[in-house]
Amino acid sequence: SALQISCFGDPLLRTGVFVLQLLHAVAPECVDLKLLLEGSTASERQLNAKLAISSAHKCGARVFLGWEDIVQARPKMMLSLLAAAMRVDMQRKKWSKSQILEQ
């Protein structure tokens, strides 16, 4: 299902589901969606966040946040993670900054 966030502090980010689906879209081989949990409990959110950090590392993203930052949906930290995922996506597609700005 398509998830949508309204800001980098969106409560939807706290479950880790959005981040994992985004990382899976960027690098499917780096995220095992069988391990994805609903995120309805604190324990599930923690496990999803840890999986997201691990998956981001696996796909080559530079990660500057901890799992706690995802569970708390800290906006600046979430921005850094999503920007890192975008960078990996651009590298995989061999896009330059100018090509992105032209679109």
PDB file of N, CA and C in Angstrom:
ATOM      1  N   SER A   1       0.837  -1.188   0.000  1.00  0.00           N
ATOM      2  CA  SER A   1       0.000   0.000   0.000  1.00  0.00           C
ATOM      3  C   SER A   1       0.876   1.244   0.000  1.00  0.00           C
ATOM      4  N   ALA A   2       0.386   2.296  -0.595  1.00  0.00           N
ATOM      5  CA  ALA A   2       1.133   3.547  -0.685  1.00  0.00           C
ATOM      6  C   ALA A   2       0.918   4.365   0.581  1.00  0.00           C
ATOM      7  N   LEU A   3       2.010   4.667   1.257  1.00  0.00           N
ATOM      8  CA  LEU A   3       1.955   5.497   2.453  1.00  0.00           C
ATOM      9  C   LEU A   3       2.416   6.895   2.081  1.00  0.00           C
ATOM     10  N   GLN A   4       1.846   7.897   2.751  1.00  0.00           N
ATOM     11  CA  GLN A   4       2.189   9.274   2.450  1.00  0.00           C
ATOM     12  C   GLN A   4       2.411  10.024   3.757  1.00  0.00           C
ATOM     13  N   ILE A   5       3.471  10.824   3.810  1.00  0.00           N
ATOM     14  CA  ILE A   5       3.729  11.620   5.001  1.00  0.00           C
ATOM     15  C   ILE A   5       3.512  13.091   4.659  1.00  0.00           C
ATOM     16  N   SER A   6       3.211  13.882   5.689  1.00  0.00           N
ATOM     17  CA  SER A   6       2.967  15.306   5.455  1.00  0.00           C
ATOM     18  C   SER A   6       4.160  16.169   5.860  1.00  0.00           C
ATOM     19  N   CYS A   7       5.011  15.658   6.744  1.00  0.00           N
ATOM     20  CA  CYS A   7       6.203  16.387   7.172  1.00  0.00           C
ATOM     21  C   CYS A   7       7.202  15.381   7.738  1.00  0.00           C
ATOM     22  N   PHE A   8       8.411  15.834   8.015  1.00  0.00           N
ATOM     23  CA  PHE A   8       9.441  14.920   8.497  1.00  0.00           C
ATOM     24  C   PHE A   8       9.240  14.509   9.953  1.00  0.00           C
ATOM     25  N   GLY A   9       8.292  15.126  10.632  1.00  0.00           N
ATOM     26  CA  GLY A   9       7.953  14.729  11.998  1.00  0.00           C
ATOM     27  C   GLY A   9       6.630  13.983  12.057  1.00  0.00           C
ATOM     28  N   ASP A  10       6.123  13.579  10.908  1.00  0.00           N
ATOM     29  CA  ASP A  10       4.833  12.888  10.817  1.00  0.00           C
ATOM     30  C   ASP A  10       4.814  11.649  11.722  1.00  0.00           C
ATOM     31  N   PRO A  11       3.766  11.496  12.525  1.00  0.00           N
ATOM     32  CA  PRO A  11       3.664  10.322  13.401  1.00  0.00           C
ATOM     33  C   PRO A  11       3.714   8.986  12.655  1.00  0.00           C
ATOM     34  N   LEU A  12       3.350   8.970  11.394  1.00  0.00           N
ATOM     35  CA  LEU A  12       3.402   7.745  10.592  1.00  0.00           C
ATOM     36  C   LEU A  12       4.825   7.206  10.500  1.00  0.00           C
ATOM     37  N   LEU A  13       5.812   8.099  10.568  1.00  0.00           N
ATOM     38  CA  LEU A  13       7.214   7.680  10.483  1.00  0.00           C
ATOM     39  C   LEU A  13       7.637   6.859  11.693  1.00  0.00           C
ATOM     40  N   ARG A  14       6.967   7.024  12.813  1.00  0.00           N
ATOM     41  CA  ARG A  14       7.354   6.350  14.059  1.00  0.00           C
ATOM     42  C   ARG A  14       7.250   4.830  13.982  1.00  0.00           C
ATOM     43  N   THR A  15       6.411   4.325  13.120  1.00  0.00           N
ATOM     44  CA  THR A  15       6.253   2.873  13.011  1.00  0.00           C
ATOM     45  C   THR A  15       7.417   2.229  12.274  1.00  0.00           C
ATOM     46  N   GLY A  16       8.126   3.015  11.469  1.00  0.00           N
ATOM     47  CA  GLY A  16       9.232   2.487  10.671  1.00  0.00           C
ATOM     48  C   GLY A  16       8.788   1.884   9.350  1.00  0.00           C
ATOM     49  N   VAL A  17       7.496   1.738   9.165  1.00  0.00           N
ATOM     50  CA  VAL A  17       6.966   1.097   7.954  1.00  0.00           C
ATOM     51  C   VAL A  17       7.275   1.940   6.713  1.00  0.00           C
ATOM     52  N   PHE A  18       7.033   3.244   6.799  1.00  0.00           N
ATOM     53  CA  PHE A  18       7.285   4.129   5.655  1.00  0.00           C
ATOM     54  C   PHE A  18       8.753   4.069   5.249  1.00  0.00           C
ATOM     55  N   VAL A  19       9.636   4.169   6.237  1.00  0.00           N
ATOM     56  CA  VAL A  19      11.081   4.165   5.960  1.00  0.00           C
ATOM     57  C   VAL A  19      11.497   2.853   5.303  1.00  0.00           C
ATOM     58  N   LEU A  20      11.006   1.749   5.820  1.00  0.00           N
ATOM     59  CA  LEU A  20      11.373   0.452   5.247  1.00  0.00           C
ATOM     60  C   LEU A  20      10.828   0.286   3.838  1.00  0.00           C
ATOM     61  N   GLN A  21       9.618   0.752   3.588  1.00  0.00           N
ATOM     62  CA  GLN A  21       9.071   0.659   2.234  1.00  0.00           C
ATOM     63  C   GLN A  21       9.843   1.548   1.267  1.00  0.00           C
ATOM     64  N   LEU A  22      10.260   2.718   1.752  1.00  0.00           N
ATOM     65  CA  LEU A  22      11.059   3.608   0.912  1.00  0.00           C
ATOM     66  C   LEU A  22      12.403   2.973   0.580  1.00  0.00           C
ATOM     67  N   LEU A  23      13.070   2.434   1.591  1.00  0.00           N
ATOM     68  CA  LEU A  23      14.358   1.773   1.361  1.00  0.00           C
ATOM     69  C   LEU A  23      14.206   0.574   0.430  1.00  0.00           C
ATOM     70  N   HIS A  24      13.091  -0.156   0.560  1.00  0.00           N
ATOM     71  CA  HIS A  24      12.835  -1.293  -0.331  1.00  0.00           C
ATOM     72  C   HIS A  24      12.643  -0.824  -1.771  1.00  0.00           C
ATOM     73  N   ALA A  25      12.019   0.333  -1.946  1.00  0.00           N
ATOM     74  CA  ALA A  25      11.833   0.875  -3.295  1.00  0.00           C
ATOM     75  C   ALA A  25      13.176   1.274  -3.909  1.00  0.00           C
ATOM     76  N   VAL A  26      14.087   1.767  -3.073  1.00  0.00           N
ATOM     77  CA  VAL A  26      15.409   2.190  -3.545  1.00  0.00           C
ATOM     78  C   VAL A  26      16.308   0.981  -3.801  1.00  0.00           C
ATOM     79  N   ALA A  27      16.320   0.050  -2.850  1.00  0.00           N
ATOM     80  CA  ALA A  27      17.224  -1.104  -2.934  1.00  0.00           C
ATOM     81  C   ALA A  27      16.503  -2.342  -2.399  1.00  0.00           C
ATOM     82  N   PRO A  28      15.709  -2.995  -3.238  1.00  0.00           N
ATOM     83  CA  PRO A  28      14.903  -4.135  -2.794  1.00  0.00           C
ATOM     84  C   PRO A  28      15.706  -5.259  -2.151  1.00  0.00           C
ATOM     85  N   GLU A  29      16.933  -5.456  -2.613  1.00  0.00           N
ATOM     86  CA  GLU A  29      17.737  -6.545  -2.075  1.00  0.00           C
ATOM     87  C   GLU A  29      18.251  -6.270  -0.661  1.00  0.00           C
ATOM     88  N   CYS A  30      18.099  -5.055  -0.202  1.00  0.00           N
ATOM     89  CA  CYS A  30      18.620  -4.677   1.122  1.00  0.00           C
ATOM     90  C   CYS A  30      17.579  -4.734   2.230  1.00  0.00           C
ATOM     91  N   VAL A  31      16.326  -4.910   1.878  1.00  0.00           N
ATOM     92  CA  VAL A  31      15.259  -4.922   2.882  1.00  0.00           C
ATOM     93  C   VAL A  31      14.462  -6.215   2.764  1.00  0.00           C
ATOM     94  N   ASP A  32      14.396  -6.960   3.845  1.00  0.00           N
ATOM     95  CA  ASP A  32      13.600  -8.182   3.884  1.00  0.00           C
ATOM     96  C   ASP A  32      12.220  -7.817   4.439  1.00  0.00           C
ATOM     97  N   LEU A  33      11.255  -7.638   3.538  1.00  0.00           N
ATOM     98  CA  LEU A  33       9.923  -7.217   3.962  1.00  0.00           C
ATOM     99  C   LEU A  33       9.199  -8.267   4.808  1.00  0.00           C
ATOM    100  N   LYS A  34       9.708  -9.499   4.819  1.00  0.00           N
ATOM    101  CA  LYS A  34       9.120 -10.525   5.683  1.00  0.00           C
ATOM    102  C   LYS A  34       9.331 -10.176   7.154  1.00  0.00           C
ATOM    103  N   LEU A  35      10.349  -9.361   7.416  1.00  0.00           N
ATOM    104  CA  LEU A  35      10.648  -8.958   8.792  1.00  0.00           C
ATOM    105  C   LEU A  35       9.901  -7.693   9.216  1.00  0.00           C
ATOM    106  N   LEU A  36       9.219  -7.049   8.274  1.00  0.00           N
ATOM    107  CA  LEU A  36       8.484  -5.824   8.546  1.00  0.00           C
ATOM    108  C   LEU A  36       7.277  -6.114   9.436  1.00  0.00           C
ATOM    109  N   LEU A  37       7.180  -5.367  10.520  1.00  0.00           N
ATOM    110  CA  LEU A  37       6.063  -5.518  11.459  1.00  0.00           C
ATOM    111  C   LEU A  37       5.110  -4.343  11.310  1.00  0.00           C
ATOM    112  N   GLU A  38       3.910  -4.483  11.828  1.00  0.00           N
ATOM    113  CA  GLU A  38       2.884  -3.456  11.703  1.00  0.00           C
ATOM    114  C   GLU A  38       3.285  -2.156  12.403  1.00  0.00           C
ATOM    115  N   GLY A  39       3.990  -2.260  13.503  1.00  0.00           N
ATOM    116  CA  GLY A  39       4.418  -1.071  14.239  1.00  0.00           C
ATOM    117  C   GLY A  39       3.379  -0.554  15.211  1.00  0.00           C
ATOM    118  N   SER A  40       2.484  -1.422  15.633  1.00  0.00           N
ATOM    119  CA  SER A  40       1.417  -0.990  16.536  1.00  0.00           C
ATOM    120  C   SER A  40       1.846  -0.962  18.002  1.00  0.00           C
ATOM    121  N   THR A  41       2.932  -1.645  18.335  1.00  0.00           N
ATOM    122  CA  THR A  41       3.434  -1.627  19.711  1.00  0.00           C
ATOM    123  C   THR A  41       4.827  -0.992  19.740  1.00  0.00           C
ATOM    124  N   ALA A  42       5.253  -0.580  20.915  1.00  0.00           N
ATOM    125  CA  ALA A  42       6.577   0.023  21.065  1.00  0.00           C
ATOM    126  C   ALA A  42       7.670  -0.951  20.639  1.00  0.00           C
ATOM    127  N   SER A  43       7.493  -2.203  20.966  1.00  0.00           N
ATOM    128  CA  SER A  43       8.474  -3.230  20.604  1.00  0.00           C
ATOM    129  C   SER A  43       8.566  -3.399  19.087  1.00  0.00           C
ATOM    130  N   GLU A  44       7.431  -3.424  18.407  1.00  0.00           N
ATOM    131  CA  GLU A  44       7.426  -3.556  16.948  1.00  0.00           C
ATOM    132  C   GLU A  44       8.056  -2.333  16.287  1.00  0.00           C
ATOM    133  N   ARG A  45       7.775  -1.141  16.819  1.00  0.00           N
ATOM    134  CA  ARG A  45       8.364   0.080  16.262  1.00  0.00           C
ATOM    135  C   ARG A  45       9.880   0.053  16.420  1.00  0.00           C
ATOM    136  N   GLN A  46      10.347  -0.421  17.561  1.00  0.00           N
ATOM    137  CA  GLN A  46      11.786  -0.513  17.801  1.00  0.00           C
ATOM    138  C   GLN A  46      12.443  -1.488  16.825  1.00  0.00           C
ATOM    139  N   LEU A  47      11.835  -2.644  16.644  1.00  0.00           N
ATOM    140  CA  LEU A  47      12.389  -3.637  15.717  1.00  0.00           C
ATOM    141  C   LEU A  47      12.401  -3.121  14.281  1.00  0.00           C
ATOM    142  N   ASN A  48      11.326  -2.446  13.870  1.00  0.00           N
ATOM    143  CA  ASN A  48      11.280  -1.872  12.524  1.00  0.00           C
ATOM    144  C   ASN A  48      12.363  -0.807  12.348  1.00  0.00           C
ATOM    145  N   ALA A  49      12.543   0.013  13.368  1.00  0.00           N
ATOM    146  CA  ALA A  49      13.545   1.079  13.287  1.00  0.00           C
ATOM    147  C   ALA A  49      14.951   0.485  13.187  1.00  0.00           C
ATOM    148  N   LYS A  50      15.222  -0.543  13.961  1.00  0.00           N
ATOM    149  CA  LYS A  50      16.533  -1.199  13.895  1.00  0.00           C
ATOM    150  C   LYS A  50      16.748  -1.849  12.532  1.00  0.00           C
ATOM    151  N   LEU A  51      15.705  -2.455  11.990  1.00  0.00           N
ATOM    152  CA  LEU A  51      15.791  -3.045  10.657  1.00  0.00           C
ATOM    153  C   LEU A  51      16.045  -1.964   9.610  1.00  0.00           C
ATOM    154  N   ALA A  52      15.403  -0.811   9.768  1.00  0.00           N
ATOM    155  CA  ALA A  52      15.593   0.291   8.819  1.00  0.00           C
ATOM    156  C   ALA A  52      17.038   0.777   8.829  1.00  0.00           C
ATOM    157  N   ILE A  53      17.623   0.930  10.013  1.00  0.00           N
ATOM    158  CA  ILE A  53      19.012   1.365  10.121  1.00  0.00           C
ATOM    159  C   ILE A  53      19.933   0.339   9.457  1.00  0.00           C
ATOM    160  N   SER A  54      19.710  -0.917   9.768  1.00  0.00           N
ATOM    161  CA  SER A  54      20.519  -1.994   9.197  1.00  0.00           C
ATOM    162  C   SER A  54      20.382  -2.037   7.676  1.00  0.00           C
ATOM    163  N   SER A  55      19.172  -1.904   7.188  1.00  0.00           N
ATOM    164  CA  SER A  55      18.917  -1.943   5.746  1.00  0.00           C
ATOM    165  C   SER A  55      19.555  -0.749   5.038  1.00  0.00           C
ATOM    166  N   ALA A  56      19.495   0.413   5.671  1.00  0.00           N
ATOM    167  CA  ALA A  56      20.105   1.607   5.083  1.00  0.00           C
ATOM    168  C   ALA A  56      21.618   1.426   4.973  1.00  0.00           C
ATOM    169  N   HIS A  57      22.226   0.878   6.016  1.00  0.00           N
ATOM    170  CA  HIS A  57      23.665   0.585   5.964  1.00  0.00           C
ATOM    171  C   HIS A  57      23.966  -0.400   4.831  1.00  0.00           C
ATOM    172  N   LYS A  58      23.131  -1.418   4.722  1.00  0.00           N
ATOM    173  CA  LYS A  58      23.351  -2.474   3.733  1.00  0.00           C
ATOM    174  C   LYS A  58      23.299  -1.931   2.301  1.00  0.00           C
ATOM    175  N   CYS A  59      22.445  -0.943   2.062  1.00  0.00           N
ATOM    176  CA  CYS A  59      22.337  -0.403   0.697  1.00  0.00           C
ATOM    177  C   CYS A  59      23.371   0.688   0.427  1.00  0.00           C
ATOM    178  N   GLY A  60      24.180   1.007   1.434  1.00  0.00           N
ATOM    179  CA  GLY A  60      25.256   1.961   1.217  1.00  0.00           C
ATOM    180  C   GLY A  60      24.950   3.385   1.631  1.00  0.00           C
ATOM    181  N   ALA A  61      23.839   3.599   2.312  1.00  0.00           N
ATOM    182  CA  ALA A  61      23.487   4.945   2.762  1.00  0.00           C
ATOM    183  C   ALA A  61      24.322   5.339   3.976  1.00  0.00           C
ATOM    184  N   ARG A  62      24.681   6.592   4.042  1.00  0.00           N
ATOM    185  CA  ARG A  62      25.364   7.118   5.223  1.00  0.00           C
ATOM    186  C   ARG A  62      24.296   7.468   6.249  1.00  0.00           C
ATOM    187  N   VAL A  63      24.360   6.804   7.375  1.00  0.00           N
ATOM    188  CA  VAL A  63      23.313   6.946   8.386  1.00  0.00           C
ATOM    189  C   VAL A  63      23.864   7.694   9.593  1.00  0.00           C
ATOM    190  N   PHE A  64      23.189   8.763   9.984  1.00  0.00           N
ATOM    191  CA  PHE A  64      23.623   9.592  11.106  1.00  0.00           C
ATOM    192  C   PHE A  64      22.602   9.607  12.235  1.00  0.00           C
ATOM    193  N   LEU A  65      21.724   8.625  12.261  1.00  0.00           N
ATOM    194  CA  LEU A  65      20.712   8.582  13.308  1.00  0.00           C
ATOM    195  C   LEU A  65      20.651   7.192  13.906  1.00  0.00           C
ATOM    196  N   GLY A  66      20.051   7.113  15.071  1.00  0.00           N
ATOM    197  CA  GLY A  66      19.845   5.834  15.733  1.00  0.00           C
ATOM    198  C   GLY A  66      18.393   5.417  15.646  1.00  0.00           C
ATOM    199  N   TRP A  67      18.126   4.208  16.055  1.00  0.00           N
ATOM    200  CA  TRP A  67      16.752   3.710  15.962  1.00  0.00           C
ATOM    201  C   TRP A  67      15.798   4.576  16.794  1.00  0.00           C
ATOM    202  N   GLU A  68      16.299   5.158  17.885  1.00  0.00           N
ATOM    203  CA  GLU A  68      15.454   6.002  18.741  1.00  0.00           C
ATOM    204  C   GLU A  68      14.951   7.219  17.979  1.00  0.00           C
ATOM    205  N   ASP A  69      15.774   7.736  17.071  1.00  0.00           N
ATOM    206  CA  ASP A  69      15.383   8.904  16.286  1.00  0.00           C
ATOM    207  C   ASP A  69      14.213   8.586  15.363  1.00  0.00           C
ATOM    208  N   ILE A  70      14.169   7.371  14.854  1.00  0.00           N
ATOM    209  CA  ILE A  70      13.047   6.960  13.994  1.00  0.00           C
ATOM    210  C   ILE A  70      11.788   6.804  14.832  1.00  0.00           C
ATOM    211  N   VAL A  71      11.904   6.133  15.966  1.00  0.00           N
ATOM    212  CA  VAL A  71      10.741   5.898  16.831  1.00  0.00           C
ATOM    213  C   VAL A  71      10.162   7.221  17.345  1.00  0.00           C
ATOM    214  N   GLN A  72      11.029   8.209  17.555  1.00  0.00           N
ATOM    215  CA  GLN A  72      10.569   9.521  18.016  1.00  0.00           C
ATOM    216  C   GLN A  72      10.202  10.433  16.850  1.00  0.00           C
ATOM    217  N   ALA A  73      10.478   9.998  15.628  1.00  0.00           N
ATOM    218  CA  ALA A  73      10.224  10.785  14.410  1.00  0.00           C
ATOM    219  C   ALA A  73      10.828  12.176  14.537  1.00  0.00           C
ATOM    220  N   ARG A  74      12.106  12.239  14.893  1.00  0.00           N
ATOM    221  CA  ARG A  74      12.789  13.522  15.012  1.00  0.00           C
ATOM    222  C   ARG A  74      13.012  14.081  13.607  1.00  0.00           C
ATOM    223  N   PRO A  75      12.375  15.211  13.278  1.00  0.00           N
ATOM    224  CA  PRO A  75      12.345  15.718  11.903  1.00  0.00           C
ATOM    225  C   PRO A  75      13.699  15.867  11.222  1.00  0.00           C
ATOM    226  N   LYS A  76      14.672  16.480  11.879  1.00  0.00           N
ATOM    227  CA  LYS A  76      15.969  16.697  11.223  1.00  0.00           C
ATOM    228  C   LYS A  76      16.690  15.377  10.982  1.00  0.00           C
ATOM    229  N   MET A  77      16.543  14.456  11.900  1.00  0.00           N
ATOM    230  CA  MET A  77      17.190  13.158  11.735  1.00  0.00           C
ATOM    231  C   MET A  77      16.502  12.350  10.632  1.00  0.00           C
ATOM    232  N   MET A  78      15.177  12.448  10.560  1.00  0.00           N
ATOM    233  CA  MET A  78      14.444  11.749   9.504  1.00  0.00           C
ATOM    234  C   MET A  78      14.812  12.331   8.140  1.00  0.00           C
ATOM    235  N   LEU A  79      14.962  13.644   8.086  1.00  0.00           N
ATOM    236  CA  LEU A  79      15.383  14.281   6.837  1.00  0.00           C
ATOM    237  C   LEU A  79      16.733  13.739   6.388  1.00  0.00           C
ATOM    238  N   SER A  80      17.657  13.583   7.333  1.00  0.00           N
ATOM    239  CA  SER A  80      18.985  13.073   6.964  1.00  0.00           C
ATOM    240  C   SER A  80      18.901  11.645   6.426  1.00  0.00           C
ATOM    241  N   LEU A  81      18.048  10.817   7.009  1.00  0.00           N
ATOM    242  CA  LEU A  81      17.900   9.441   6.533  1.00  0.00           C
ATOM    243  C   LEU A  81      17.260   9.396   5.145  1.00  0.00           C
ATOM    244  N   LEU A  82      16.212  10.180   4.952  1.00  0.00           N
ATOM    245  CA  LEU A  82      15.534  10.179   3.657  1.00  0.00           C
ATOM    246  C   LEU A  82      16.434  10.783   2.576  1.00  0.00           C
ATOM    247  N   ALA A  83      17.243  11.776   2.935  1.00  0.00           N
ATOM    248  CA  ALA A  83      18.192  12.348   1.971  1.00  0.00           C
ATOM    249  C   ALA A  83      19.262  11.313   1.603  1.00  0.00           C
ATOM    250  N   ALA A  84      19.706  10.536   2.575  1.00  0.00           N
ATOM    251  CA  ALA A  84      20.689   9.485   2.298  1.00  0.00           C
ATOM    252  C   ALA A  84      20.097   8.439   1.359  1.00  0.00           C
ATOM    253  N   ALA A  85      18.829   8.099   1.568  1.00  0.00           N
ATOM    254  CA  ALA A  85      18.160   7.136   0.681  1.00  0.00           C
ATOM    255  C   ALA A  85      18.038   7.709  -0.734  1.00  0.00           C
ATOM    256  N   MET A  86      17.758   9.003  -0.825  1.00  0.00           N
ATOM    257  CA  MET A  86      17.653   9.650  -2.133  1.00  0.00           C
ATOM    258  C   MET A  86      19.009   9.631  -2.841  1.00  0.00           C
ATOM    259  N   ARG A  87      20.057   9.850  -2.088  1.00  0.00           N
ATOM    260  CA  ARG A  87      21.401   9.830  -2.672  1.00  0.00           C
ATOM    261  C   ARG A  87      21.732   8.436  -3.229  1.00  0.00           C
ATOM    262  N   VAL A  88      21.398   7.407  -2.486  1.00  0.00           N
ATOM    263  CA  VAL A  88      21.626   6.038  -2.955  1.00  0.00           C
ATOM    264  C   VAL A  88      20.824   5.791  -4.226  1.00  0.00           C
ATOM    265  N   ASP A  89      19.584   6.254  -4.248  1.00  0.00           N
ATOM    266  CA  ASP A  89      18.729   6.078  -5.423  1.00  0.00           C
ATOM    267  C   ASP A  89      19.336   6.792  -6.632  1.00  0.00           C
ATOM    268  N   MET A  90      19.819   8.008  -6.418  1.00  0.00           N
ATOM    269  CA  MET A  90      20.437   8.757  -7.520  1.00  0.00           C
ATOM    270  C   MET A  90      21.687   8.051  -8.039  1.00  0.00           C
ATOM    271  N   GLN A  91      22.486   7.514  -7.130  1.00  0.00           N
ATOM    272  CA  GLN A  91      23.699   6.807  -7.543  1.00  0.00           C
ATOM    273  C   GLN A  91      23.357   5.557  -8.336  1.00  0.00           C
ATOM    274  N   ARG A  92      22.345   4.834  -7.897  1.00  0.00           N
ATOM    275  CA  ARG A  92      21.962   3.611  -8.600  1.00  0.00           C
ATOM    276  C   ARG A  92      21.440   3.902 -10.001  1.00  0.00           C
ATOM    277  N   LYS A  93      20.746   5.032 -10.147  1.00  0.00           N
ATOM    278  CA  LYS A  93      20.199   5.405 -11.454  1.00  0.00           C
ATOM    279  C   LYS A  93      21.182   6.236 -12.274  1.00  0.00           C
ATOM    280  N   LYS A  94      22.350   6.522 -11.665  1.00  0.00           N
ATOM    281  CA  LYS A  94      23.388   7.326 -12.301  1.00  0.00           C
ATOM    282  C   LYS A  94      22.871   8.705 -12.713  1.00  0.00           C
ATOM    283  N   TRP A  95      22.088   9.315 -11.830  1.00  0.00           N
ATOM    284  CA  TRP A  95      21.566  10.659 -12.060  1.00  0.00           C
ATOM    285  C   TRP A  95      22.487  11.675 -11.418  1.00  0.00           C
ATOM    286  N   SER A  96      22.604  12.830 -12.060  1.00  0.00           N
ATOM    287  CA  SER A  96      23.370  13.931 -11.489  1.00  0.00           C
ATOM    288  C   SER A  96      22.393  14.908 -10.824  1.00  0.00           C
ATOM    289  N   LYS A  97      22.929  15.826 -10.054  1.00  0.00           N
ATOM    290  CA  LYS A  97      22.081  16.844  -9.398  1.00  0.00           C
ATOM    291  C   LYS A  97      21.344  17.670 -10.427  1.00  0.00           C
ATOM    292  N   SER A  98      22.011  18.003 -11.520  1.00  0.00           N
ATOM    293  CA  SER A  98      21.378  18.833 -12.553  1.00  0.00           C
ATOM    294  C   SER A  98      20.211  18.108 -13.217  1.00  0.00           C
ATOM    295  N   GLN A  99      20.326  16.797 -13.389  1.00  0.00           N
ATOM    296  CA  GLN A  99      19.224  16.030 -13.980  1.00  0.00           C
ATOM    297  C   GLN A  99      18.012  16.049 -13.050  1.00  0.00           C
ATOM    298  N   ILE A 100      18.235  15.985 -11.757  1.00  0.00           N
ATOM    299  CA  ILE A 100      17.134  16.017 -10.786  1.00  0.00           C
ATOM    300  C   ILE A 100      16.451  17.379 -10.838  1.00  0.00           C
ATOM    301  N   LEU A 101      17.231  18.458 -10.884  1.00  0.00           N
ATOM    302  CA  LEU A 101      16.664  19.798 -10.878  1.00  0.00           C
ATOM    303  C   LEU A 101      15.906  20.122 -12.159  1.00  0.00           C
ATOM    304  N   GLU A 102      16.253  19.461 -13.261  1.00  0.00           N
ATOM    305  CA  GLU A 102      15.568  19.697 -14.533  1.00  0.00           C
ATOM    306  C   GLU A 102      14.174  19.084 -14.556  1.00  0.00           C
ATOM    307  N   GLN A 103      13.945  18.073 -13.736  1.00  0.00           N
ATOM    308  CA  GLN A 103      12.652  17.376 -13.778  1.00  0.00           C
ATOM    309  C   GLN A 103      11.582  18.131 -13.056  1.00  0.00           C
TER     310      GLN A 103
END
